[in-house]
Amino acid sequence: MTGTLILVRHGQSEWNLENLFTGWRNPNLTEKGIGEARATGQALKAAGIVPEVFYTSALRRAQHTLDLMLEEMGILNVTITRNVALNERDYGDLSGLNKDDARVKWGEEQVHIWRRSFDVPPPGGESLKDTADRTVPYFNAEILPLLQAGKTVLIAAHGNSLRALVMAIEGLTPDEILAREIGTGEPTIYKIGADGKMEERVTL
């Protein structure tokens, strides 16, 4: 049995556009983000990929992205599991701040450390390691068994919760995953074997 896993970061959000730290705050998609979500749904449909099981976070930008993709694929009346384990990294005291203003307040070097280190959280928030510590166990317990059984699973989530999953799936080091960019609305697709290991990474 080989399962298919599709990871999609939400389309551009209003706060992505405004260069704000978002985290667990709840802005919606921009018109560009709506277009990105629709385009990804169209691309998956054109590739003949038909998801059977659907997961997203508790945040509306990811939920809206998933809804738009399903609409484009003609997939209606399905059960969608929404869970905070798939939420974006919590940026704590940085949430809602413009990234340039944060650099003025705390200094460019400190903000860079918070953004790009693996295990140093911002004040009141989560590091990427903290995000992985909630996201990966949930994936292993709830989603991986479905893939091992040969299901096709679609997850619409966030840059850092998806980074955590990519790190685990591909066996990447902290430095390697911090260098990986996950674009808004872009799908990452894996074939997962019955042993739970990645067999290949697929590009559309």
Protein backbone atom coordinates (compact mmCIF):
# COMPACT_ATOMS: atom_id res chain seq x y z
CA MET A 1 0.00 0.00 0.00
CA THR A 2 1.28 3.45 -0.92
CA GLY A 3 -0.52 6.53 0.34
CA THR A 4 -0.39 10.05 -1.05
CA LEU A 5 0.08 13.08 1.19
CA ILE A 6 -0.61 16.58 -0.12
CA LEU A 7 0.57 19.48 2.03
CA VAL A 8 -0.63 22.96 1.08
CA ARG A 9 0.20 26.21 2.80
CA HIS A 10 -2.74 28.60 2.87
CA GLY A 11 -2.93 31.27 0.19
CA GLN A 12 -1.63 34.76 0.88
CA SER A 13 -3.38 36.28 3.90
CA GLU A 14 -4.15 39.93 4.63
CA TRP A 15 -1.34 39.99 7.18
CA ASN A 16 1.15 38.32 4.83
CA LEU A 17 0.45 41.24 2.52
CA GLU A 18 0.94 43.77 5.32
CA ASN A 19 4.20 42.11 6.52
CA LEU A 20 2.79 41.36 9.98
CA PHE A 21 3.61 38.48 12.32
CA THR A 22 0.43 36.42 12.24
CA GLY A 23 0.76 33.25 14.31
CA TRP A 24 -2.57 32.29 15.88
CA ARG A 25 -4.27 35.56 14.89
CA ASN A 26 -7.03 35.05 12.36
CA PRO A 27 -6.88 37.23 9.22
CA ASN A 28 -8.51 35.97 6.05
CA LEU A 29 -7.14 35.52 2.55
CA THR A 30 -6.43 38.32 0.11
CA GLU A 31 -7.77 38.20 -3.44
CA LYS A 32 -4.34 36.89 -4.45
CA GLY A 33 -4.59 34.21 -1.76
CA ILE A 34 -8.02 33.16 -3.01
CA GLY A 35 -6.56 32.85 -6.50
CA GLU A 36 -3.63 30.79 -5.21
CA ALA A 37 -5.96 28.36 -3.45
CA ARG A 38 -8.16 27.98 -6.51
CA ALA A 39 -5.15 27.46 -8.78
CA THR A 40 -3.81 24.69 -6.54
CA GLY A 41 -7.18 22.95 -6.54
CA GLN A 42 -7.24 23.16 -10.33
CA ALA A 43 -3.68 21.80 -10.59
CA LEU A 44 -4.44 18.82 -8.35
CA LYS A 45 -7.57 18.05 -10.36
CA ALA A 46 -5.65 18.30 -13.64
CA ALA A 47 -3.04 15.89 -12.24
CA GLY A 48 -5.75 13.35 -11.41
CA ILE A 49 -5.09 13.52 -7.69
CA VAL A 50 -8.29 12.84 -5.75
CA PRO A 51 -7.95 13.34 -1.96
CA GLU A 52 -10.08 11.17 0.28
CA VAL A 53 -9.35 12.56 3.74
CA PHE A 54 -9.07 16.23 4.70
CA TYR A 55 -7.33 18.07 7.54
CA THR A 56 -6.79 21.71 8.35
CA SER A 57 -5.99 23.95 11.30
CA ALA A 58 -8.31 25.92 13.57
CA LEU A 59 -7.48 29.13 11.68
CA ARG A 60 -9.71 30.47 8.93
CA ARG A 61 -7.04 31.28 6.34
CA ALA A 62 -6.18 27.57 6.13
CA GLN A 63 -9.83 26.52 6.30
CA HIS A 64 -10.80 28.95 3.52
CA THR A 65 -7.91 27.68 1.39
CA LEU A 66 -9.10 24.10 1.78
CA ASP A 67 -12.70 25.03 0.99
CA LEU A 68 -11.65 26.80 -2.22
CA MET A 69 -9.46 23.89 -3.32
CA LEU A 70 -12.27 21.40 -2.76
CA GLU A 71 -14.66 23.62 -4.71
CA GLU A 72 -12.27 23.65 -7.66
CA MET A 73 -11.85 19.87 -7.47
CA GLY A 74 -15.61 19.33 -7.35
CA ILE A 75 -15.36 17.59 -3.96
CA LEU A 76 -18.45 18.38 -1.90
CA ASN A 77 -20.12 17.23 1.32
CA VAL A 78 -17.03 15.72 2.93
CA THR A 79 -15.89 15.54 6.52
CA ILE A 80 -13.06 17.97 7.33
CA THR A 81 -11.04 17.57 10.51
CA ARG A 82 -9.89 20.88 12.01
CA ASN A 83 -7.33 20.74 14.81
CA VAL A 84 -5.17 23.29 16.63
CA ALA A 85 -2.24 20.87 16.36
CA LEU A 86 -1.93 22.03 12.75
CA ASN A 87 -2.01 25.73 13.62
CA GLU A 88 0.76 28.09 12.66
CA ARG A 89 3.60 28.70 15.08
CA ASP A 90 2.45 31.03 17.86
CA TYR A 91 4.52 34.21 17.61
CA GLY A 92 3.50 35.39 21.08
CA ASP A 93 4.32 39.04 21.72
CA LEU A 94 5.31 39.52 18.07
CA SER A 95 1.80 38.67 16.83
CA GLY A 96 0.20 41.58 15.01
CA LEU A 97 3.43 43.57 14.77
CA ASN A 98 4.95 44.75 11.53
CA LYS A 99 8.22 42.89 11.04
CA ASP A 100 10.13 46.13 10.45
CA ASP A 101 8.70 47.64 13.65
CA ALA A 102 9.74 44.52 15.57
CA ARG A 103 13.29 44.97 14.30
CA VAL A 104 13.30 48.56 15.56
CA LYS A 105 11.99 47.49 18.99
CA TRP A 106 14.18 44.41 19.61
CA GLY A 107 16.97 44.76 17.07
CA GLU A 108 17.44 43.04 13.75
CA GLU A 109 19.68 40.30 15.11
CA GLN A 110 17.26 39.30 17.89
CA VAL A 111 14.26 39.21 15.56
CA HIS A 112 16.27 37.15 13.07
CA ILE A 113 17.08 34.66 15.85
CA TRP A 114 13.42 34.36 16.80
CA ARG A 115 12.37 33.89 13.18
CA ARG A 116 15.11 31.57 11.95
CA SER A 117 16.43 29.60 14.90
CA PHE A 118 15.01 26.15 15.55
CA ASP A 119 14.55 26.23 19.31
CA VAL A 120 14.53 29.88 20.48
CA PRO A 121 10.95 31.13 20.95
CA PRO A 122 9.88 34.78 20.84
CA PRO A 123 8.48 36.17 24.11
CA GLY A 124 5.24 34.37 24.96
CA GLY A 125 5.40 32.27 21.77
CA GLU A 126 6.67 29.07 20.21
CA SER A 127 9.88 28.07 18.50
CA LEU A 128 9.79 25.82 15.46
CA LYS A 129 10.76 22.98 17.80
CA ASP A 130 7.73 23.75 19.98
CA THR A 131 5.53 23.73 16.87
CA ALA A 132 6.96 20.37 15.81
CA ASP A 133 6.38 18.98 19.29
CA ARG A 134 2.60 19.42 18.86
CA THR A 135 2.25 18.94 15.10
CA VAL A 136 4.35 15.82 14.47
CA PRO A 137 2.82 13.62 17.23
CA TYR A 138 -0.66 14.51 15.98
CA PHE A 139 0.35 13.62 12.43
CA ASN A 140 1.91 10.34 13.54
CA ALA A 141 -1.12 9.31 15.57
CA GLU A 142 -3.99 10.50 13.37
CA ILE A 143 -2.80 10.87 9.78
CA LEU A 144 0.16 8.55 9.17
CA PRO A 145 -1.93 5.36 9.71
CA LEU A 146 -4.28 6.52 6.93
CA LEU A 147 -1.33 6.97 4.56
CA GLN A 148 0.04 3.55 5.52
CA ALA A 149 -3.36 2.12 4.57
CA GLY A 150 -3.08 3.67 1.10
CA LYS A 151 -5.31 6.73 1.52
CA THR A 152 -4.81 10.08 -0.21
CA VAL A 153 -4.73 12.80 2.45
CA LEU A 154 -4.86 16.57 1.93
CA ILE A 155 -3.64 18.92 4.68
CA ALA A 156 -4.12 22.69 4.36
CA ALA A 157 -2.09 24.41 7.05
CA HIS A 158 0.69 26.96 7.61
CA GLY A 159 4.32 27.64 6.79
CA ASN A 160 5.75 26.48 10.11
CA SER A 161 3.38 23.64 10.96
CA LEU A 162 4.11 22.29 7.47
CA ARG A 163 7.86 22.84 7.96
CA ALA A 164 7.60 20.64 11.04
CA LEU A 165 5.94 17.88 9.02
CA VAL A 166 8.38 18.19 6.10
CA MET A 167 11.29 17.94 8.53
CA ALA A 168 9.91 14.71 9.98
CA ILE A 169 8.89 13.19 6.64
CA GLU A 170 12.15 13.97 4.84
CA GLY A 171 14.42 13.46 7.85
CA LEU A 172 15.89 16.95 7.61
CA THR A 173 18.15 18.63 10.15
CA PRO A 174 17.11 21.88 11.88
CA ASP A 175 19.42 23.86 9.58
CA GLU A 176 18.00 22.17 6.49
CA ILE A 177 14.38 22.82 7.40
CA LEU A 178 15.04 26.44 8.33
CA ALA A 179 16.39 26.95 4.81
CA ARG A 180 13.27 25.43 3.21
CA GLU A 181 10.77 27.94 1.91
CA ILE A 182 7.14 26.86 1.62
CA GLY A 183 5.27 29.26 -0.65
CA THR A 184 1.67 30.32 -0.13
CA GLY A 185 -0.72 28.09 -2.02
CA GLU A 186 1.99 25.72 -3.21
CA PRO A 187 1.44 21.95 -2.85
CA THR A 188 4.11 19.55 -1.59
CA ILE A 189 3.22 15.95 -2.45
CA TYR A 190 4.68 12.72 -1.06
CA LYS A 191 4.22 9.03 -1.66
CA ILE A 192 4.26 7.27 1.72
CA GLY A 193 4.83 3.53 1.99
CA ALA A 194 3.17 1.01 4.26
CA ASP A 195 6.16 1.33 6.58
CA GLY A 196 5.37 5.01 7.06
CA LYS A 197 8.48 6.16 5.21
CA MET A 198 8.64 8.59 2.31
CA GLU A 199 9.08 6.77 -1.01
CA GLU A 200 9.22 9.85 -3.22
CA ARG A 201 8.46 13.54 -3.38
CA VAL A 202 6.20 14.38 -6.31
CA THR A 203 6.10 17.66 -8.23
CA LEU A 204 3.13 18.82 -10.28
